[in-house]
Protein backbone atom coordinates (compact mmCIF):
# COMPACT_ATOMS: atom_id res chain seq x y z
CA UNK A 1 0.00 0.00 0.00
CA UNK A 2 1.22 3.49 -0.77
CA UNK A 3 -0.13 6.94 -0.02
CA UNK A 4 -0.08 9.78 -2.51
CA UNK A 5 1.70 13.03 -1.75
CA UNK A 6 -1.64 14.84 -1.72
CA UNK A 7 -3.04 17.52 -3.95
CA UNK A 8 -4.83 20.81 -3.43
CA UNK A 9 -7.84 21.44 -5.69
CA UNK A 10 -10.46 24.22 -5.43
CA UNK A 11 -9.89 24.66 -1.69
CA UNK A 12 -9.93 20.93 -0.89
CA UNK A 13 -7.03 18.70 0.07
CA UNK A 14 -6.95 15.32 -1.64
CA UNK A 15 -5.18 12.21 -0.36
CA UNK A 16 -4.94 9.05 -2.40
CA UNK A 17 -4.05 5.51 -1.41
CA UNK A 18 -3.15 2.62 -3.70
CA UNK A 19 -3.30 -0.90 -2.34
CA UNK A 20 -2.93 -4.35 -3.89
CA UNK A 21 -6.15 -6.23 -4.55
CA UNK A 22 -4.62 -9.62 -5.23
CA UNK A 23 -1.71 -11.75 -4.08
CA UNK A 24 0.41 -12.79 -7.07
CA UNK A 25 0.97 -16.50 -7.55
CA UNK A 26 2.79 -18.31 -10.29
CA UNK A 27 3.77 -15.22 -12.26
CA UNK A 28 0.50 -13.29 -11.74
CA UNK A 29 0.77 -9.53 -11.87
CA UNK A 30 -0.08 -7.52 -8.77
CA UNK A 31 -3.12 -5.32 -9.38
CA UNK A 32 -3.81 -2.10 -7.48
CA UNK A 33 -6.94 -0.20 -6.54
CA UNK A 34 -6.92 3.52 -5.78
CA UNK A 35 -9.02 5.31 -3.17
CA UNK A 36 -9.32 9.00 -2.38
CA UNK A 37 -10.31 11.14 0.57
CA UNK A 38 -10.96 14.89 0.67
CA UNK A 39 -10.86 17.56 3.37
CA UNK A 40 -11.12 21.33 3.67
CA UNK A 41 -8.49 21.27 6.43
CA UNK A 42 -5.39 19.07 6.08
CA UNK A 43 -5.13 18.71 9.86
CA UNK A 44 -8.74 17.51 10.13
CA UNK A 45 -10.20 14.15 9.34
CA UNK A 46 -10.42 13.35 5.64
CA UNK A 47 -13.76 12.12 4.33
CA UNK A 48 -13.84 9.23 1.86
CA UNK A 49 -15.03 9.94 -1.65
CA UNK A 50 -18.24 7.91 -2.11
CA UNK A 51 -17.78 4.74 -4.20
CA UNK A 52 -20.56 5.80 -6.57
CA UNK A 53 -18.18 8.37 -8.08
CA UNK A 54 -16.85 5.68 -10.45
CA UNK A 55 -15.75 7.30 -13.71
CA UNK A 56 -16.67 4.39 -15.93
CA UNK A 57 -13.05 3.31 -16.46
CA UNK A 58 -11.24 0.36 -14.96
CA UNK A 59 -10.73 0.73 -11.23
CA UNK A 60 -7.95 -1.85 -10.96
CA UNK A 61 -4.54 -1.03 -12.40
CA UNK A 62 -1.18 -2.64 -13.05
CA UNK A 63 0.79 0.05 -11.20
CA UNK A 64 0.37 2.06 -8.02
CA UNK A 65 0.95 5.25 -10.01
CA UNK A 66 -2.06 4.58 -12.25
CA UNK A 67 -4.22 3.78 -9.20
CA UNK A 68 -3.22 7.09 -7.56
CA UNK A 69 -3.96 9.06 -10.74
CA UNK A 70 -7.37 7.45 -11.08
CA UNK A 71 -8.25 8.12 -7.43
CA UNK A 72 -7.19 11.75 -7.82
CA UNK A 73 -9.39 12.19 -10.91
CA UNK A 74 -12.36 10.69 -9.04
CA UNK A 75 -11.76 13.06 -6.11
CA UNK A 76 -11.59 16.09 -8.43
CA UNK A 77 -14.86 15.06 -10.08
CA UNK A 78 -16.45 14.71 -6.63
CA UNK A 79 -15.19 18.17 -5.61
CA UNK A 80 -16.59 19.64 -8.84
CA UNK A 81 -19.99 18.17 -7.95
CA UNK A 82 -19.75 19.59 -4.41
CA UNK A 83 -18.94 23.01 -5.85
CA UNK A 84 -22.01 22.89 -8.15
CA UNK A 85 -24.22 22.29 -5.11
CA UNK A 86 -23.06 25.44 -3.34
């Protein structure tokens, strides 16, 4: 599991986490899933981005980097939707 460095977007702080979803056996590739959390205050508790924010792309990736990028894009989409509701 790895944590992203974090990103700042439209007043929200984004944290991403990539973790393996399988245990490789006999030459299998490790696959990673990315998750994101957002917060208005980096010292406060981060709230998970709801799972229904799926972008329609694959959610399991061959590298941690791809999983982090996907999770960040989901978080930004979620923040955009929050901003529309204000």
